[in-house]
Amino acid sequence: MHGSDTESSAVRQDQYFDISNKAEDQTADSSESTSVEQTSIRQTLSRQVSKNDPEKDGAEISSQPAFPPGLNPDEFPDGGLEAWLVIVGGALILFSSFGIVNCSGVFVQYYATGPLSDYSSSDITWITSLQAFLVTGSNLVVGRLFDSYGTRWILPIGTIIYSFGLMVLSLSTKYYQIVLSQGIVCGIGAAIVFNCASNSAITWFYKYRAAALGIVVAGSSIGGIVLPILMSHLIPKIGFPWTVRILGFIVLLFCGVASFTVKSRLPPRPKPFHFVELVKPFSELRFALVVVASFFFFWGLYLPFNYLNIQAQQQGVNPTLIPYLLPIVNAVSIPGRIIPGILADRIGRFNMMIIIAALSSIVTLALWVPGNTTATTIAFGAVYGFTSGAFISLAPAVIAQISDIRQIGARSGVLLFVSSLGALTGSPVGGAIVTAQNGKYLGLKLFTGITIGFAAVFLVLARAAQVKFRIAKI
């Protein structure tokens, strides 16, 4: 920390990461007209800023004398009616998208005891894993569309696709039908609306970006509380098909409302697609390390969501408590998504990400692995919900901090695509481990804790690539 210079230093460091290193529109003619004296002055200023800003160590300093339109930190509203309507709409979208993804344990439990009882747990979790993969992985394409066209048409289209997928799921009884409707169609629809929510929020908030994203992502936790309880009560009364149709109507209502409130502050920038845009970010060491960390975190992230109910049932937890385990996880993740975001804006987003990943690993290895009682299972669900929820809300804020915000859709898409590979394979790998251990869950629990621990290690390396191992706000 830098004492009285902390706030100004923090502003300078975020200014660097929220503008492009070299403006895309800069032409050869303009660069040739730059005088030697102007270049010398810029280099001097760059060295002075780098000296005062720990986050710039080893980074190339922008040669631009002014901010591109709309990217000056002073131009970010950081509040106001329009900005908060974006946040409210984003929370409604996350309620509908990741809120249903967080119900994966209910779906898995229903399928395992109902229409897919002849399939292994690994086969069944491929459905929910495929959905989680597409919700995040499709952002590689959707993020690029967001940068080019904004939300005006993309968000309503995503809403229709998502609700249609749920309606078709209500009619599905075969394995391949459920894979197509829930895994693919719902996954793509949820990806479109989710991308619009998270990337739009980033363009409206600067100083309080992590906190704003935390509020948006908290919508998924509220959905994770309400929707599992809703499904658990409705399925025995009205059946699975009508329960899923109700979910479809909720998506249509909430995402439909959000279509009128969620929008990007920056104007669309249509341009031809170049594959190099998706590869180039990996040339930045810090970006590559954050992406690897996210892969490992998502590799273990959804295992408790998918298997906690089944594992608790095998463990002998009171059957009346089992339907409330996932709501407990999601209830505690609400403050877990908001409070760490507020702290991250104060102590540094990288710093908070490292703390969160380390705590998620520790609580898994210390509580879930040795735990064999109802109390330890509930305690694990509560603490894990708090820590794991924070990672999801902080990851986009970290990427925005080290990226040109005009490319936030594409760069977030790259991060989420690689992360989704972990989400896609994590649960089936966990199911295979359970099968190999004859239905025992020790190996799955260890796999969860160790993979998330690797995420913490790679985040430490990413931070070290930026400021080495010095104490600093980053």
Protein backbone atom coordinates (compact mmCIF):
# COMPACT_ATOMS: atom_id res chain seq x y z
CA MET A 1 0.00 0.00 0.00
CA HIS A 2 1.16 3.54 -0.60
CA GLY A 3 -0.27 5.56 2.25
CA SER A 4 -1.81 8.83 1.10
CA ASP A 5 -1.10 7.98 -2.53
CA THR A 6 -3.26 4.84 -2.47
CA GLU A 7 -6.34 6.30 -4.13
CA SER A 8 -4.51 8.12 -6.90
CA SER A 9 -2.32 5.10 -7.54
CA ALA A 10 -5.36 2.86 -7.73
CA VAL A 11 -6.95 5.18 -10.26
CA ARG A 12 -3.83 5.22 -12.40
CA GLN A 13 -3.46 1.47 -12.34
CA ASP A 14 -7.08 0.92 -13.38
CA GLN A 15 -6.75 3.59 -16.07
CA TYR A 16 -3.98 1.56 -17.61
CA PHE A 17 -5.96 -1.65 -17.75
CA ASP A 18 -9.24 -0.13 -18.93
CA ILE A 19 -7.79 1.36 -22.10
CA SER A 20 -6.14 -0.49 -24.90
CA ASN A 21 -2.36 -0.72 -24.92
CA LYS A 22 -2.38 0.60 -28.45
CA ALA A 23 -5.57 2.07 -29.91
CA GLU A 24 -6.87 -0.03 -32.76
CA ASP A 25 -7.81 3.02 -34.77
CA GLN A 26 -4.35 4.54 -34.71
CA THR A 27 -3.06 4.81 -38.26
CA ALA A 28 0.43 4.78 -39.66
CA ASP A 29 0.08 8.38 -40.79
CA SER A 30 -0.75 9.66 -37.32
CA SER A 31 2.10 7.73 -35.75
CA GLU A 32 4.56 9.18 -38.26
CA SER A 33 3.40 12.70 -37.44
CA THR A 34 4.18 12.26 -33.79
CA SER A 35 7.19 14.36 -33.01
CA VAL A 36 10.28 13.14 -31.21
CA GLU A 37 9.67 15.66 -28.45
CA GLN A 38 6.11 14.37 -27.86
CA THR A 39 7.34 10.79 -27.75
CA SER A 40 10.01 11.72 -25.23
CA ILE A 41 7.46 13.44 -23.00
CA ARG A 42 5.15 10.39 -23.13
CA GLN A 43 7.98 8.03 -22.28
CA THR A 44 8.92 10.20 -19.31
CA LEU A 45 5.32 10.25 -18.06
CA SER A 46 5.05 6.51 -18.56
CA ARG A 47 8.14 5.90 -16.45
CA GLN A 48 6.78 8.16 -13.71
CA VAL A 49 3.43 6.38 -13.63
CA SER A 50 5.11 2.96 -13.70
CA LYS A 51 7.30 3.97 -10.78
CA ASN A 52 4.29 4.93 -8.68
CA ASP A 53 2.08 2.04 -9.74
CA PRO A 54 3.00 -1.52 -8.69
CA GLU A 55 0.43 -3.01 -11.03
CA LYS A 56 2.34 -1.90 -14.11
CA ASP A 57 5.63 -3.64 -13.40
CA GLY A 58 6.79 -5.38 -16.54
CA ALA A 59 3.79 -4.14 -18.52
CA GLU A 60 3.85 -2.14 -21.70
CA ILE A 61 2.63 1.42 -21.11
CA SER A 62 0.10 2.88 -23.47
CA SER A 63 1.46 5.55 -25.79
CA GLN A 64 -1.93 7.23 -26.08
CA PRO A 65 -2.00 10.76 -24.61
CA ALA A 66 -5.77 10.63 -23.99
CA PHE A 67 -8.47 8.10 -23.21
CA PRO A 68 -10.57 6.73 -26.08
CA PRO A 69 -14.18 8.01 -26.00
CA GLY A 70 -16.16 6.59 -23.11
CA LEU A 71 -13.18 4.97 -21.37
CA ASN A 72 -12.04 7.81 -19.13
CA PRO A 73 -12.66 6.64 -15.54
CA ASP A 74 -14.45 9.93 -14.86
CA GLU A 75 -17.03 9.04 -17.52
CA PHE A 76 -18.18 5.87 -15.77
CA PRO A 77 -21.44 6.70 -13.93
CA ASP A 78 -20.78 4.27 -11.03
CA GLY A 79 -24.44 4.76 -10.14
CA GLY A 80 -27.59 6.51 -11.29
CA LEU A 81 -30.95 5.15 -12.48
CA GLU A 82 -29.76 3.65 -15.77
CA ALA A 83 -26.76 1.95 -14.19
CA TRP A 84 -28.76 0.41 -11.35
CA LEU A 85 -31.49 -0.75 -13.73
CA VAL A 86 -28.75 -2.65 -15.56
CA ILE A 87 -27.73 -4.25 -12.26
CA VAL A 88 -31.32 -5.18 -11.36
CA GLY A 89 -31.91 -6.64 -14.81
CA GLY A 90 -28.61 -8.48 -14.60
CA ALA A 91 -29.62 -10.01 -11.26
CA LEU A 92 -32.91 -11.19 -12.80
CA ILE A 93 -30.95 -12.82 -15.62
CA LEU A 94 -28.55 -14.55 -13.23
CA PHE A 95 -31.53 -15.75 -11.18
CA SER A 96 -32.88 -17.40 -14.31
CA SER A 97 -29.62 -18.69 -15.82
CA PHE A 98 -27.13 -19.77 -13.17
CA GLY A 99 -30.00 -20.07 -10.70
CA ILE A 100 -31.25 -23.08 -12.68
CA VAL A 101 -27.70 -24.36 -13.18
CA ASN A 102 -27.37 -24.30 -9.38
CA CYS A 103 -30.37 -26.66 -9.25
CA SER A 104 -28.31 -29.37 -10.94
CA GLY A 105 -28.42 -31.55 -7.81
CA VAL A 106 -32.23 -31.62 -7.95
CA PHE A 107 -32.20 -32.58 -11.63
CA VAL A 108 -29.57 -35.28 -11.06
CA GLN A 109 -31.48 -36.72 -8.10
CA TYR A 110 -34.74 -36.80 -10.11
CA TYR A 111 -33.14 -38.38 -13.17
CA ALA A 112 -31.26 -40.99 -11.08
CA THR A 113 -34.45 -42.17 -9.38
CA GLY A 114 -36.78 -41.61 -12.34
CA PRO A 115 -36.50 -41.72 -16.13
CA LEU A 116 -32.74 -42.31 -16.22
CA SER A 117 -32.43 -44.81 -13.37
CA ASP A 118 -30.71 -47.27 -15.73
CA TYR A 119 -27.85 -44.83 -16.36
CA SER A 120 -24.77 -44.29 -14.19
CA SER A 121 -24.26 -41.12 -12.19
CA SER A 122 -21.44 -40.18 -14.55
CA ASP A 123 -23.77 -40.48 -17.56
CA ILE A 124 -26.45 -38.38 -15.86
CA THR A 125 -24.10 -35.61 -14.78
CA TRP A 126 -22.95 -35.22 -18.38
CA ILE A 127 -26.33 -33.50 -18.91
CA THR A 128 -25.87 -30.84 -16.24
CA SER A 129 -22.16 -30.54 -17.06
CA LEU A 130 -22.93 -29.93 -20.73
CA GLN A 131 -25.40 -27.24 -19.72
CA ALA A 132 -22.85 -25.57 -17.43
CA PHE A 133 -20.23 -25.87 -20.19
CA LEU A 134 -22.39 -24.10 -22.75
CA VAL A 135 -23.58 -21.43 -20.31
CA THR A 136 -19.97 -20.33 -19.89
CA GLY A 137 -18.24 -21.75 -22.98
CA SER A 138 -20.63 -20.25 -25.55
CA ASN A 139 -19.47 -16.83 -24.41
CA LEU A 140 -16.46 -17.29 -26.68
CA VAL A 141 -18.87 -16.54 -29.53
CA VAL A 142 -21.55 -14.56 -27.67
CA GLY A 143 -18.97 -12.22 -26.16
CA ARG A 144 -17.71 -11.35 -29.63
CA LEU A 145 -21.28 -10.66 -30.75
CA PHE A 146 -21.80 -8.47 -27.68
CA ASP A 147 -18.76 -6.34 -28.56
CA SER A 148 -20.07 -5.88 -32.09
CA TYR A 149 -23.83 -5.49 -31.65
CA GLY A 150 -24.64 -4.86 -27.99
CA THR A 151 -27.74 -6.32 -26.30
CA ARG A 152 -30.61 -4.92 -28.39
CA TRP A 153 -31.27 -8.08 -30.40
CA ILE A 154 -29.06 -10.65 -28.69
CA LEU A 155 -30.81 -10.55 -25.29
CA PRO A 156 -34.41 -11.09 -26.57
CA ILE A 157 -33.20 -13.90 -28.86
CA GLY A 158 -31.42 -15.58 -25.94
CA THR A 159 -34.57 -15.27 -23.81
CA ILE A 160 -36.68 -17.04 -26.44
CA ILE A 161 -34.11 -19.83 -26.97
CA TYR A 162 -33.76 -20.44 -23.23
CA SER A 163 -37.48 -20.61 -22.44
CA PHE A 164 -38.07 -22.78 -25.53
CA GLY A 165 -35.41 -25.24 -24.31
CA LEU A 166 -37.17 -25.60 -20.96
CA MET A 167 -40.53 -26.17 -22.62
CA VAL A 168 -39.03 -28.93 -24.77
CA LEU A 169 -37.34 -30.42 -21.69
CA SER A 170 -40.76 -30.76 -20.07
CA LEU A 171 -41.70 -33.14 -22.90
CA SER A 172 -38.44 -35.11 -22.86
CA THR A 173 -38.23 -38.63 -21.44
CA LYS A 174 -35.28 -40.21 -23.27
CA TYR A 175 -31.61 -39.61 -22.47
CA TYR A 176 -30.80 -38.05 -25.84
CA GLN A 177 -33.87 -35.80 -25.62
CA ILE A 178 -32.83 -34.47 -22.22
CA VAL A 179 -29.27 -33.93 -23.44
CA LEU A 180 -30.51 -31.92 -26.43
CA SER A 181 -33.11 -29.84 -24.59
CA GLN A 182 -31.47 -29.18 -21.22
CA GLY A 183 -27.82 -29.68 -22.06
CA ILE A 184 -27.64 -27.90 -25.42
CA VAL A 185 -30.65 -25.63 -26.07
CA CYS A 186 -31.00 -24.37 -22.47
CA GLY A 187 -27.22 -24.08 -22.22
CA ILE A 188 -26.94 -21.85 -25.31
CA GLY A 189 -29.94 -19.70 -24.35
CA ALA A 190 -28.66 -19.19 -20.80
CA ALA A 191 -25.20 -18.31 -22.18
CA ILE A 192 -26.61 -15.52 -24.33
CA VAL A 193 -28.56 -13.84 -21.54
CA PHE A 194 -25.77 -14.34 -18.98
CA ASN A 195 -23.16 -12.74 -21.23
CA CYS A 196 -25.33 -9.68 -21.81
CA ALA A 197 -25.83 -9.25 -18.06
CA SER A 198 -22.22 -9.52 -16.89
CA ASN A 199 -20.58 -7.57 -19.72
CA SER A 200 -23.13 -4.74 -19.66
CA ALA A 201 -22.64 -4.22 -15.92
CA ILE A 202 -18.88 -3.83 -16.43
CA THR A 203 -19.37 -0.88 -18.79
CA TRP A 204 -21.36 1.14 -16.22
CA PHE A 205 -19.16 0.71 -13.14
CA TYR A 206 -15.48 1.47 -12.62
CA LYS A 207 -14.58 2.26 -9.03
CA TYR A 208 -17.18 -0.14 -7.61
CA ARG A 209 -17.05 -2.71 -10.42
CA ALA A 210 -16.42 -5.81 -8.31
CA ALA A 211 -19.20 -4.86 -5.90
CA ALA A 212 -21.65 -4.23 -8.76
CA LEU A 213 -20.81 -7.58 -10.35
CA GLY A 214 -21.25 -9.21 -6.95
CA ILE A 215 -24.81 -7.89 -6.77
CA VAL A 216 -25.55 -9.15 -10.29
CA VAL A 217 -24.14 -12.60 -9.60
CA ALA A 218 -25.99 -12.73 -6.27
CA GLY A 219 -29.11 -13.16 -8.41
CA SER A 220 -27.95 -16.69 -9.19
CA SER A 221 -27.68 -17.44 -5.48
CA ILE A 222 -31.22 -16.23 -4.87
CA GLY A 223 -32.32 -18.45 -7.73
CA GLY A 224 -30.33 -21.28 -6.16
CA ILE A 225 -32.32 -20.82 -2.95
CA VAL A 226 -35.80 -20.41 -4.38
CA LEU A 227 -35.73 -22.76 -7.37
CA PRO A 228 -34.51 -26.00 -5.70
CA ILE A 229 -37.14 -25.62 -2.96
CA LEU A 230 -39.75 -24.78 -5.58
CA MET A 231 -38.84 -27.86 -7.64
CA SER A 232 -38.70 -30.16 -4.59
CA HIS A 233 -42.23 -29.14 -3.61
CA LEU A 234 -43.78 -29.01 -7.07
CA ILE A 235 -42.43 -32.25 -8.57
CA PRO A 236 -44.36 -34.53 -6.13
CA LYS A 237 -47.52 -32.42 -6.52
CA ILE A 238 -47.77 -31.53 -10.21
CA GLY A 239 -45.02 -33.66 -11.75
CA PHE A 240 -41.70 -32.89 -13.38
CA PRO A 241 -43.08 -31.70 -16.76
CA TRP A 242 -45.24 -28.91 -15.33
CA THR A 243 -42.53 -27.96 -12.85
CA VAL A 244 -40.10 -27.38 -15.72
CA ARG A 245 -42.76 -25.43 -17.68
CA ILE A 246 -43.11 -23.10 -14.68
CA LEU A 247 -39.34 -22.58 -14.82
CA GLY A 248 -39.74 -21.72 -18.51
CA PHE A 249 -42.36 -19.07 -17.72
CA ILE A 250 -40.10 -17.61 -15.00
CA VAL A 251 -37.26 -17.32 -17.53
CA LEU A 252 -39.57 -15.68 -20.07
CA LEU A 253 -40.79 -13.13 -17.50
CA PHE A 254 -37.50 -12.26 -15.81
CA CYS A 255 -35.30 -12.19 -18.89
CA GLY A 256 -38.07 -10.41 -20.80
CA VAL A 257 -38.07 -7.60 -18.23
CA ALA A 258 -34.26 -7.52 -18.31
CA SER A 259 -34.36 -7.06 -22.09
CA PHE A 260 -35.68 -3.54 -21.45
CA THR A 261 -33.19 -2.58 -18.71
CA VAL A 262 -29.88 -4.29 -19.55
CA LYS A 263 -27.72 -2.49 -22.11
CA SER A 264 -24.09 -1.58 -22.64
CA ARG A 265 -23.00 1.99 -21.99
CA LEU A 266 -20.56 1.84 -24.92
CA PRO A 267 -21.89 1.91 -28.49
CA PRO A 268 -21.59 -1.29 -30.56
CA ARG A 269 -18.43 -1.59 -32.66
CA PRO A 270 -19.17 -3.97 -35.56
CA LYS A 271 -16.01 -5.32 -37.16
CA PRO A 272 -14.91 -8.46 -39.01
CA PHE A 273 -14.02 -11.45 -36.90
CA HIS A 274 -10.36 -12.44 -36.73
CA PHE A 275 -9.38 -15.65 -34.97
CA VAL A 276 -6.23 -13.99 -33.68
CA GLU A 277 -8.44 -11.92 -31.33
CA LEU A 278 -9.14 -15.09 -29.36
CA VAL A 279 -5.53 -16.26 -29.30
CA LYS A 280 -3.70 -12.98 -28.73
CA PRO A 281 -4.69 -12.59 -25.04
CA PHE A 282 -2.73 -15.75 -24.21
CA SER A 283 0.47 -13.92 -25.14
CA GLU A 284 -0.04 -11.96 -21.90
CA LEU A 285 1.36 -14.10 -19.09
CA ARG A 286 -0.96 -12.75 -16.40
CA PHE A 287 -4.03 -13.39 -18.57
CA ALA A 288 -2.93 -16.94 -19.40
CA LEU A 289 -2.31 -17.76 -15.73
CA VAL A 290 -5.71 -16.39 -14.67
CA VAL A 291 -7.37 -18.54 -17.35
CA VAL A 292 -5.54 -21.67 -16.16
CA ALA A 293 -6.55 -20.88 -12.57
CA SER A 294 -10.19 -20.53 -13.63
CA PHE A 295 -10.06 -23.89 -15.41
CA PHE A 296 -8.92 -25.66 -12.25
CA PHE A 297 -11.47 -23.84 -10.10
CA PHE A 298 -14.36 -24.75 -12.42
CA TRP A 299 -13.05 -28.32 -12.64
CA GLY A 300 -14.01 -28.82 -9.01
CA LEU A 301 -16.60 -26.06 -8.56
CA TYR A 302 -19.80 -27.93 -9.48
CA LEU A 303 -19.00 -31.27 -7.84
CA PRO A 304 -20.60 -30.32 -4.50
CA PHE A 305 -23.62 -28.85 -6.33
CA ASN A 306 -24.11 -32.07 -8.31
CA TYR A 307 -23.29 -34.66 -5.66
CA LEU A 308 -24.01 -33.10 -2.26
CA ASN A 309 -27.63 -34.32 -2.18
CA ILE A 310 -26.80 -37.88 -3.29
CA GLN A 311 -23.76 -38.09 -1.00
CA ALA A 312 -25.81 -36.81 1.95
CA GLN A 313 -28.50 -39.40 1.21
CA GLN A 314 -25.90 -42.19 1.25
CA GLN A 315 -24.39 -40.77 4.42
CA GLY A 316 -27.69 -41.05 6.22
CA VAL A 317 -28.63 -37.40 6.52
CA ASN A 318 -32.26 -36.86 7.55
CA PRO A 319 -34.29 -37.04 4.28
CA THR A 320 -36.30 -33.97 5.29
CA LEU A 321 -33.08 -31.91 5.33
CA ILE A 322 -31.67 -33.05 1.98
CA PRO A 323 -33.91 -30.81 -0.21
CA TYR A 324 -32.58 -27.80 1.73
CA LEU A 325 -28.86 -28.51 1.37
CA LEU A 326 -28.49 -26.73 -1.99
CA PRO A 327 -30.62 -23.78 -0.84
CA ILE A 328 -28.30 -23.46 2.17
CA VAL A 329 -25.26 -23.43 -0.13
CA ASN A 330 -26.85 -20.77 -2.32
CA ALA A 331 -28.20 -18.70 0.57
CA VAL A 332 -24.76 -18.27 2.08
CA SER A 333 -23.30 -17.52 -1.33
CA ILE A 334 -25.36 -14.30 -1.54
CA PRO A 335 -23.14 -12.43 0.95
CA GLY A 336 -20.28 -14.48 -0.50
CA ARG A 337 -20.77 -12.79 -3.84
CA ILE A 338 -21.33 -9.26 -2.52
CA ILE A 339 -19.03 -8.81 0.49
CA PRO A 340 -15.83 -10.08 -1.20
CA GLY A 341 -16.64 -7.83 -4.17
CA ILE A 342 -16.78 -4.79 -1.89
CA LEU A 343 -13.53 -5.84 -0.20
CA ALA A 344 -11.91 -6.53 -3.58
CA ASP A 345 -12.48 -2.93 -4.66
CA ARG A 346 -10.60 -1.90 -1.51
CA ILE A 347 -7.74 -4.40 -1.16
CA GLY A 348 -7.36 -5.52 -4.77
CA ARG A 349 -9.22 -7.98 -6.96
CA PHE A 350 -6.29 -10.33 -7.49
CA ASN A 351 -5.65 -10.41 -3.76
CA MET A 352 -9.26 -11.29 -2.98
CA MET A 353 -9.40 -13.96 -5.69
CA ILE A 354 -6.38 -15.71 -4.15
CA ILE A 355 -7.95 -15.62 -0.68
CA ILE A 356 -11.26 -16.98 -1.98
CA ALA A 357 -9.69 -19.86 -3.94
CA ALA A 358 -7.49 -20.84 -1.01
CA LEU A 359 -10.42 -20.82 1.43
CA SER A 360 -12.57 -22.91 -0.95
CA SER A 361 -9.85 -25.55 -1.12
CA ILE A 362 -9.20 -25.53 2.62
CA VAL A 363 -12.87 -25.84 3.61
CA THR A 364 -13.32 -28.75 1.19
CA LEU A 365 -10.33 -30.66 2.51
CA ALA A 366 -10.94 -29.79 6.15
CA LEU A 367 -14.74 -30.20 6.36
CA TRP A 368 -16.10 -32.24 3.47
CA VAL A 369 -13.35 -34.87 3.25
CA PRO A 370 -13.36 -35.99 6.90
CA GLY A 371 -16.99 -35.04 7.61
CA ASN A 372 -19.46 -37.87 8.15
CA THR A 373 -22.23 -36.20 10.14
CA THR A 374 -25.21 -34.03 9.28
CA ALA A 375 -23.61 -31.06 11.06
CA THR A 376 -20.36 -31.23 9.07
CA THR A 377 -22.26 -31.63 5.78
CA ILE A 378 -24.38 -28.54 6.49
CA ALA A 379 -21.34 -26.59 7.71
CA PHE A 380 -19.40 -27.48 4.57
CA GLY A 381 -22.29 -26.46 2.32
CA ALA A 382 -22.61 -23.11 4.07
CA VAL A 383 -18.91 -22.17 4.03
CA TYR A 384 -18.33 -23.53 0.52
CA GLY A 385 -21.31 -21.55 -0.74
CA PHE A 386 -19.76 -18.36 0.62
CA THR A 387 -16.27 -18.89 -0.79
CA SER A 388 -17.09 -20.46 -4.16
CA GLY A 389 -19.72 -17.85 -4.96
CA ALA A 390 -17.19 -15.05 -4.66
CA PHE A 391 -14.89 -16.53 -7.30
CA ILE A 392 -17.59 -16.42 -9.98
CA SER A 393 -18.30 -12.73 -9.36
CA LEU A 394 -14.64 -11.69 -9.09
CA ALA A 395 -13.32 -13.40 -12.23
CA PRO A 396 -14.94 -10.94 -14.70
CA ALA A 397 -13.72 -8.00 -12.60
CA VAL A 398 -10.14 -9.29 -12.73
CA ILE A 399 -10.33 -9.79 -16.51
CA ALA A 400 -11.72 -6.26 -16.92
CA GLN A 401 -8.82 -4.95 -14.85
CA ILE A 402 -6.22 -6.40 -17.23
CA SER A 403 -8.10 -5.80 -20.49
CA ASP A 404 -9.23 -3.12 -22.89
CA ILE A 405 -12.87 -2.75 -21.89
CA ARG A 406 -13.89 -2.35 -25.54
CA GLN A 407 -12.84 -6.00 -25.97
CA ILE A 408 -14.37 -7.20 -22.71
CA GLY A 409 -16.86 -9.51 -24.44
CA ALA A 410 -14.23 -11.39 -26.42
CA ARG A 411 -11.70 -11.60 -23.58
CA SER A 412 -14.30 -12.65 -21.02
CA GLY A 413 -15.48 -15.18 -23.58
CA VAL A 414 -12.00 -16.70 -23.79
CA LEU A 415 -11.82 -16.96 -19.99
CA LEU A 416 -15.27 -18.50 -19.70
CA PHE A 417 -14.70 -20.93 -22.57
CA VAL A 418 -11.60 -22.42 -20.96
CA SER A 419 -13.33 -22.41 -17.57
CA SER A 420 -16.29 -24.21 -19.09
CA LEU A 421 -14.02 -27.06 -20.19
CA GLY A 422 -13.42 -27.64 -16.50
CA ALA A 423 -17.16 -27.43 -15.77
CA LEU A 424 -17.89 -29.88 -18.61
CA THR A 425 -15.45 -32.56 -17.50
CA GLY A 426 -15.38 -32.07 -13.73
CA SER A 427 -18.64 -33.77 -12.76
CA PRO A 428 -18.25 -36.77 -15.11
CA VAL A 429 -14.69 -37.25 -13.80
CA GLY A 430 -16.08 -37.08 -10.27
CA GLY A 431 -18.76 -39.63 -11.19
CA ALA A 432 -16.13 -41.94 -12.66
CA ILE A 433 -14.12 -41.67 -9.43
CA VAL A 434 -17.20 -42.60 -7.38
CA THR A 435 -17.88 -45.58 -9.65
CA ALA A 436 -14.25 -46.72 -9.42
CA GLN A 437 -14.48 -46.55 -5.61
CA ASN A 438 -17.69 -48.60 -5.53
CA GLY A 439 -19.94 -45.71 -4.59
CA LYS A 440 -17.62 -44.09 -2.05
CA TYR A 441 -17.18 -40.30 -2.22
CA LEU A 442 -13.74 -39.82 -0.64
CA GLY A 443 -11.92 -39.65 -3.98
CA LEU A 444 -14.44 -37.14 -5.37
CA LYS A 445 -14.04 -34.92 -2.31
CA LEU A 446 -10.23 -35.00 -2.57
CA PHE A 447 -10.41 -34.25 -6.30
CA THR A 448 -12.57 -31.19 -5.55
CA GLY A 449 -10.29 -29.78 -2.87
CA ILE A 450 -7.04 -30.40 -4.77
CA THR A 451 -8.18 -28.93 -8.10
CA ILE A 452 -9.43 -25.75 -6.41
CA GLY A 453 -6.11 -25.60 -4.54
CA PHE A 454 -4.31 -25.61 -7.90
CA ALA A 455 -6.46 -22.62 -8.89
CA ALA A 456 -5.13 -20.69 -5.89
CA VAL A 457 -1.54 -21.55 -6.86
CA PHE A 458 -1.95 -20.27 -10.44
CA LEU A 459 -3.57 -17.07 -9.17
CA VAL A 460 -0.55 -16.48 -6.97
CA LEU A 461 1.66 -16.94 -10.03
CA ALA A 462 -0.50 -14.51 -12.03
CA ARG A 463 -0.15 -11.92 -9.30
CA ALA A 464 3.60 -12.53 -9.14
CA ALA A 465 3.82 -11.92 -12.89
CA GLN A 466 2.36 -8.47 -12.23
CA VAL A 467 3.99 -7.23 -9.01
CA LYS A 468 6.22 -10.16 -8.04
CA PHE A 469 5.59 -11.00 -4.36
CA ARG A 470 5.34 -7.48 -3.01
CA ILE A 471 2.49 -6.37 -0.77
CA ALA A 472 0.31 -4.18 -2.98
CA LYS A 473 -3.27 -3.49 -3.94
CA ILE A 474 -3.85 -5.36 -7.16
